[in-house]
PDB file of N, CA and C in Angstrom:
ATOM      1  N   MET A   1     240.806 187.750 130.570  1.00  0.00           N
ATOM      2  CA  MET A   1     242.279 187.436 130.074  1.00  0.00           C
ATOM      3  C   MET A   1     241.529 185.631 129.663  1.00  0.00           C
ATOM      4  N   ASN A   2     242.774 185.087 128.959  1.00  0.00           N
ATOM      5  CA  ASN A   2     242.956 183.368 129.032  1.00  0.00           C
ATOM      6  C   ASN A   2     244.225 183.716 129.765  1.00  0.00           C
ATOM      7  N   VAL A   3     244.315 183.298 130.592  1.00  0.00           N
ATOM      8  CA  VAL A   3     245.685 182.681 131.043  1.00  0.00           C
ATOM      9  C   VAL A   3     246.404 181.541 131.285  1.00  0.00           C
ATOM     10  N   TYR A   4     247.489 181.621 130.738  1.00  0.00           N
ATOM     11  CA  TYR A   4     248.003 180.226 131.668  1.00  0.00           C
ATOM     12  C   TYR A   4     249.452 179.904 130.735  1.00  0.00           C
ATOM     13  N   VAL A   5     249.483 178.726 131.626  1.00  0.00           N
ATOM     14  CA  VAL A   5     251.349 178.721 131.525  1.00  0.00           C
ATOM     15  C   VAL A   5     251.768 177.584 130.681  1.00  0.00           C
ATOM     16  N   GLU A   6     252.755 177.481 129.751  1.00  0.00           N
ATOM     17  CA  GLU A   6     252.970 175.843 128.854  1.00  0.00           C
ATOM     18  C   GLU A   6     254.174 175.551 129.030  1.00  0.00           C
ATOM     19  N   LYS A   7     255.123 174.601 128.445  1.00  0.00           N
ATOM     20  CA  LYS A   7     255.797 174.896 128.847  1.00  0.00           C
ATOM     21  C   LYS A   7     256.325 174.221 126.904  1.00  0.00           C
ATOM     22  N   SER A   8     257.906 175.096 126.424  1.00  0.00           N
ATOM     23  CA  SER A   8     257.931 174.900 125.328  1.00  0.00           C
ATOM     24  C   SER A   8     258.554 173.117 124.794  1.00  0.00           C
ATOM     25  N   ALA A   9     257.667 172.932 123.808  1.00  0.00           N
ATOM     26  CA  ALA A   9     258.645 171.494 123.158  1.00  0.00           C
ATOM     27  C   ALA A   9     259.816 171.996 122.751  1.00  0.00           C
ATOM     28  N   ASN A  10     259.833 172.911 122.323  1.00  0.00           N
ATOM     29  CA  ASN A  10     261.148 172.587 121.221  1.00  0.00           C
ATOM     30  C   ASN A  10     262.336 172.292 122.125  1.00  0.00           C
ATOM     31  N   ASP A  11     262.525 173.511 123.475  1.00  0.00           N
ATOM     32  CA  ASP A  11     263.323 173.730 123.851  1.00  0.00           C
ATOM     33  C   ASP A  11     263.453 173.674 125.670  1.00  0.00           C
ATOM     34  N   SER A  12     263.998 174.132 126.328  1.00  0.00           N
ATOM     35  CA  SER A  12     264.039 174.141 128.289  1.00  0.00           C
ATOM     36  C   SER A  12     263.152 175.729 128.393  1.00  0.00           C
ATOM     37  N   ARG A  13     261.965 175.858 127.423  1.00  0.00           N
ATOM     38  CA  ARG A  13     261.541 177.587 128.102  1.00  0.00           C
ATOM     39  C   ARG A  13     260.548 177.150 128.415  1.00  0.00           C
ATOM     40  N   TRP A  14     259.903 178.250 129.051  1.00  0.00           N
ATOM     41  CA  TRP A  14     258.580 178.141 129.796  1.00  0.00           C
ATOM     42  C   TRP A  14     257.865 179.325 129.465  1.00  0.00           C
ATOM     43  N   TRP A  15     256.452 179.307 128.779  1.00  0.00           N
ATOM     44  CA  TRP A  15     255.295 180.450 128.048  1.00  0.00           C
ATOM     45  C   TRP A  15     254.217 181.282 129.150  1.00  0.00           C
ATOM     46  N   VAL A  16     254.256 181.677 129.588  1.00  0.00           N
ATOM     47  CA  VAL A  16     253.040 182.310 130.175  1.00  0.00           C
ATOM     48  C   VAL A  16     252.471 183.110 128.571  1.00  0.00           C
ATOM     49  N   HIS A  17     250.635 182.470 128.362  1.00  0.00           N
ATOM     50  CA  HIS A  17     250.113 182.750 127.434  1.00  0.00           C
ATOM     51  C   HIS A  17     249.425 183.441 128.145  1.00  0.00           C
ATOM     52  N   MET A  18     248.801 184.808 127.618  1.00  0.00           N
ATOM     53  CA  MET A  18     247.880 186.328 127.981  1.00  0.00           C
ATOM     54  C   MET A  18     247.274 186.427 126.122  1.00  0.00           C
ATOM     55  N   ASP A  19     246.198 185.636 126.287  1.00  0.00           N
ATOM     56  CA  ASP A  19     245.174 185.501 124.858  1.00  0.00           C
ATOM     57  C   ASP A  19     245.989 185.606 123.578  1.00  0.00           C
ATOM     58  N   GLU A  20     246.936 186.276 122.519  1.00  0.00           N
ATOM     59  CA  GLU A  20     247.511 186.428 121.871  1.00  0.00           C
ATOM     60  C   GLU A  20     248.615 186.593 121.850  1.00  0.00           C
ATOM     61  N   TRP A  21     249.573 187.457 123.203  1.00  0.00           N
ATOM     62  CA  TRP A  21     250.447 187.934 123.589  1.00  0.00           C
ATOM     63  C   TRP A  21     251.271 186.315 124.589  1.00  0.00           C
ATOM     64  N   ARG A  22     252.499 186.288 124.337  1.00  0.00           N
ATOM     65  CA  ARG A  22     253.351 185.348 125.381  1.00  0.00           C
ATOM     66  C   ARG A  22     254.445 185.984 125.909  1.00  0.00           C
ATOM     67  N   VAL A  23     255.119 185.167 127.221  1.00  0.00           N
ATOM     68  CA  VAL A  23     256.483 185.625 127.707  1.00  0.00           C
ATOM     69  C   VAL A  23     257.167 184.308 128.127  1.00  0.00           C
ATOM     70  N   SER A  24     258.259 184.331 127.837  1.00  0.00           N
ATOM     71  CA  SER A  24     259.106 183.543 128.237  1.00  0.00           C
ATOM     72  C   SER A  24     259.514 183.372 129.032  1.00  0.00           C
ATOM     73  N   PHE A  25     260.280 181.964 129.557  1.00  0.00           N
ATOM     74  CA  PHE A  25     261.184 182.553 131.399  1.00  0.00           C
ATOM     75  C   PHE A  25     261.479 181.003 130.613  1.00  0.00           C
ATOM     76  N   LYS A  26     262.444 181.068 131.569  1.00  0.00           N
ATOM     77  CA  LYS A  26     264.123 179.795 132.037  1.00  0.00           C
ATOM     78  C   LYS A  26     263.239 178.919 132.548  1.00  0.00           C
ATOM     79  N   THR A  27     262.232 179.525 134.024  1.00  0.00           N
ATOM     80  CA  THR A  27     262.148 177.663 135.083  1.00  0.00           C
ATOM     81  C   THR A  27     260.612 177.714 134.972  1.00  0.00           C
ATOM     82  N   PRO A  28     259.958 176.844 135.034  1.00  0.00           N
ATOM     83  CA  PRO A  28     257.943 177.152 135.619  1.00  0.00           C
ATOM     84  C   PRO A  28     258.098 178.173 136.584  1.00  0.00           C
ATOM     85  N   LYS A  29     259.665 178.359 137.531  1.00  0.00           N
ATOM     86  CA  LYS A  29     259.250 178.920 139.431  1.00  0.00           C
ATOM     87  C   LYS A  29     259.079 180.038 138.666  1.00  0.00           C
ATOM     88  N   GLU A  30     259.760 180.481 138.111  1.00  0.00           N
ATOM     89  CA  GLU A  30     259.459 182.223 137.874  1.00  0.00           C
ATOM     90  C   GLU A  30     258.625 182.443 136.349  1.00  0.00           C
ATOM     91  N   ALA A  31     257.827 181.105 135.834  1.00  0.00           N
ATOM     92  CA  ALA A  31     256.556 181.601 135.199  1.00  0.00           C
ATOM     93  C   ALA A  31     255.130 181.727 135.740  1.00  0.00           C
ATOM     94  N   GLU A  32     255.624 180.736 137.087  1.00  0.00           N
ATOM     95  CA  GLU A  32     254.705 180.702 138.141  1.00  0.00           C
ATOM     96  C   GLU A  32     254.176 182.512 138.524  1.00  0.00           C
ATOM     97  N   GLN A  33     255.799 182.365 139.208  1.00  0.00           N
ATOM     98  CA  GLN A  33     255.164 183.747 140.029  1.00  0.00           C
ATOM     99  C   GLN A  33     254.897 184.416 139.423  1.00  0.00           C
ATOM    100  N   PHE A  34     255.401 185.098 137.849  1.00  0.00           N
ATOM    101  CA  PHE A  34     254.496 185.667 136.678  1.00  0.00           C
ATOM    102  C   PHE A  34     253.290 185.758 136.735  1.00  0.00           C
ATOM    103  N   LEU A  35     252.907 184.655 136.485  1.00  0.00           N
ATOM    104  CA  LEU A  35     251.253 183.782 136.606  1.00  0.00           C
ATOM    105  C   LEU A  35     250.742 184.868 137.987  1.00  0.00           C
ATOM    106  N   GLY A  36     251.303 184.039 139.078  1.00  0.00           N
ATOM    107  CA  GLY A  36     250.712 184.799 140.176  1.00  0.00           C
ATOM    108  C   GLY A  36     249.600 185.930 140.231  1.00  0.00           C
ATOM    109  N   VAL A  37     251.409 187.413 139.727  1.00  0.00           N
ATOM    110  CA  VAL A  37     252.022 188.325 139.642  1.00  0.00           C
ATOM    111  C   VAL A  37     250.911 189.198 138.761  1.00  0.00           C
ATOM    112  N   LEU A  38     250.531 188.508 137.834  1.00  0.00           N
ATOM    113  CA  LEU A  38     249.544 189.349 137.061  1.00  0.00           C
ATOM    114  C   LEU A  38     248.035 188.229 137.279  1.00  0.00           C
ATOM    115  N   THR A  39     247.859 187.573 137.226  1.00  0.00           N
ATOM    116  CA  THR A  39     246.428 187.321 138.195  1.00  0.00           C
ATOM    117  C   THR A  39     246.018 187.901 138.990  1.00  0.00           C
ATOM    118  N   ALA A  40     246.590 188.531 140.755  1.00  0.00           N
ATOM    119  CA  ALA A  40     245.840 189.566 141.095  1.00  0.00           C
ATOM    120  C   ALA A  40     246.362 191.161 140.701  1.00  0.00           C
ATOM    121  N   ARG A  41     246.965 191.094 140.012  1.00  0.00           N
ATOM    122  CA  ARG A  41     246.927 192.270 139.725  1.00  0.00           C
ATOM    123  C   ARG A  41     245.823 192.025 138.782  1.00  0.00           C
ATOM    124  N   LEU A  42     244.954 191.219 137.543  1.00  0.00           N
ATOM    125  CA  LEU A  42     243.677 191.505 136.879  1.00  0.00           C
ATOM    126  C   LEU A  42     242.613 191.804 137.944  1.00  0.00           C
ATOM    127  N   ASN A  43     242.539 190.640 139.016  1.00  0.00           N
ATOM    128  CA  ASN A  43     241.525 190.242 139.499  1.00  0.00           C
ATOM    129  C   ASN A  43     241.353 191.634 141.022  1.00  0.00           C
ATOM    130  N   ALA A  44     242.883 191.669 141.270  1.00  0.00           N
ATOM    131  CA  ALA A  44     242.278 193.633 141.804  1.00  0.00           C
ATOM    132  C   ALA A  44     241.055 195.305 141.257  1.00  0.00           C
ATOM    133  N   PRO A  45     240.501 195.545 142.550  1.00  0.00           N
ATOM    134  CA  PRO A  45     239.140 195.829 142.261  1.00  0.00           C
ATOM    135  C   PRO A  45     240.430 196.837 141.420  1.00  0.00           C
ATOM    136  N   HIS A  46     239.028 197.311 140.492  1.00  0.00           N
ATOM    137  CA  HIS A  46     239.273 198.744 139.424  1.00  0.00           C
ATOM    138  C   HIS A  46     238.895 199.646 139.644  1.00  0.00           C
ATOM    139  N   SER A  47     238.487 201.493 139.603  1.00  0.00           N
ATOM    140  CA  SER A  47     237.676 201.861 139.113  1.00  0.00           C
ATOM    141  C   SER A  47     237.723 202.454 138.358  1.00  0.00           C
ATOM    142  N   LEU A  48     236.551 202.449 138.323  1.00  0.00           N
ATOM    143  CA  LEU A  48     236.230 203.117 136.776  1.00  0.00           C
ATOM    144  C   LEU A  48     236.278 204.808 136.942  1.00  0.00           C
ATOM    145  N   ASN A  49     235.493 205.485 138.016  1.00  0.00           N
ATOM    146  CA  ASN A  49     235.409 206.266 138.536  1.00  0.00           C
ATOM    147  C   ASN A  49     236.991 207.201 137.470  1.00  0.00           C
ATOM    148  N   LYS A  50     238.601 206.159 137.932  1.00  0.00           N
ATOM    149  CA  LYS A  50     239.852 206.795 138.336  1.00  0.00           C
ATOM    150  C   LYS A  50     240.128 206.571 136.335  1.00  0.00           C
ATOM    151  N   ILE A  51     239.201 205.552 135.986  1.00  0.00           N
ATOM    152  CA  ILE A  51     239.275 205.749 134.113  1.00  0.00           C
ATOM    153  C   ILE A  51     238.752 206.631 134.157  1.00  0.00           C
ATOM    154  N   ALA A  52     237.890 207.029 134.504  1.00  0.00           N
ATOM    155  CA  ALA A  52     236.950 207.296 133.406  1.00  0.00           C
ATOM    156  C   ALA A  52     237.604 209.677 133.510  1.00  0.00           C
ATOM    157  N   THR A  53     237.880 210.035 134.514  1.00  0.00           N
ATOM    158  CA  THR A  53     239.091 211.260 134.369  1.00  0.00           C
ATOM    159  C   THR A  53     239.612 211.644 134.167  1.00  0.00           C
ATOM    160  N   VAL A  54     240.790 210.314 133.376  1.00  0.00           N
ATOM    161  CA  VAL A  54     241.808 210.789 132.274  1.00  0.00           C
ATOM    162  C   VAL A  54     241.495 210.985 131.757  1.00  0.00           C
ATOM    163  N   ALA A  55     242.145 212.079 130.755  1.00  0.00           N
ATOM    164  CA  ALA A  55     241.837 212.571 129.305  1.00  0.00           C
ATOM    165  C   ALA A  55     242.427 211.821 128.121  1.00  0.00           C
ATOM    166  N   LEU A  56     241.167 211.261 127.588  1.00  0.00           N
ATOM    167  CA  LEU A  56     242.410 210.737 126.404  1.00  0.00           C
ATOM    168  C   LEU A  56     243.278 211.315 124.753  1.00  0.00           C
ATOM    169  N   ARG A  57     244.218 211.212 124.502  1.00  0.00           N
ATOM    170  CA  ARG A  57     245.119 212.165 124.252  1.00  0.00           C
ATOM    171  C   ARG A  57     243.957 211.692 122.513  1.00  0.00           C
ATOM    172  N   PRO A  58     244.362 212.937 121.764  1.00  0.00           N
ATOM    173  CA  PRO A  58     243.893 212.448 120.179  1.00  0.00           C
ATOM    174  C   PRO A  58     244.507 211.871 119.335  1.00  0.00           C
ATOM    175  N   ALA A  59     244.511 211.292 118.443  1.00  0.00           N
ATOM    176  CA  ALA A  59     245.200 210.474 117.253  1.00  0.00           C
ATOM    177  C   ALA A  59     246.103 211.105 116.992  1.00  0.00           C
ATOM    178  N   LYS A  60     247.336 210.503 116.872  1.00  0.00           N
ATOM    179  CA  LYS A  60     248.783 211.428 115.678  1.00  0.00           C
ATOM    180  C   LYS A  60     248.320 211.556 114.241  1.00  0.00           C
ATOM    181  N   GLU A  61     248.152 212.413 113.744  1.00  0.00           N
ATOM    182  CA  GLU A  61     248.105 212.276 111.795  1.00  0.00           C
ATOM    183  C   GLU A  61     249.031 211.933 111.255  1.00  0.00           C
ATOM    184  N   ALA A  62     248.989 211.357 110.405  1.00  0.00           N
ATOM    185  CA  ALA A  62     250.828 210.895 109.816  1.00  0.00           C
ATOM    186  C   ALA A  62     250.824 212.111 109.047  1.00  0.00           C
TER     187      ALA A  62
END
């Protein structure tokens, strides 16, 4: 996942980009704190065994 902080050119907002998604913050400190937590969670060890044991729900019919 491509994650980075960018200052808005139009107003005094800060954006944390996550691939095609983005989240707005009022201050660069808030944006950097969010980025720190997000990065830690993305880099945390993940067990494929736990993921694989979760039963998938069937798609809902329209």
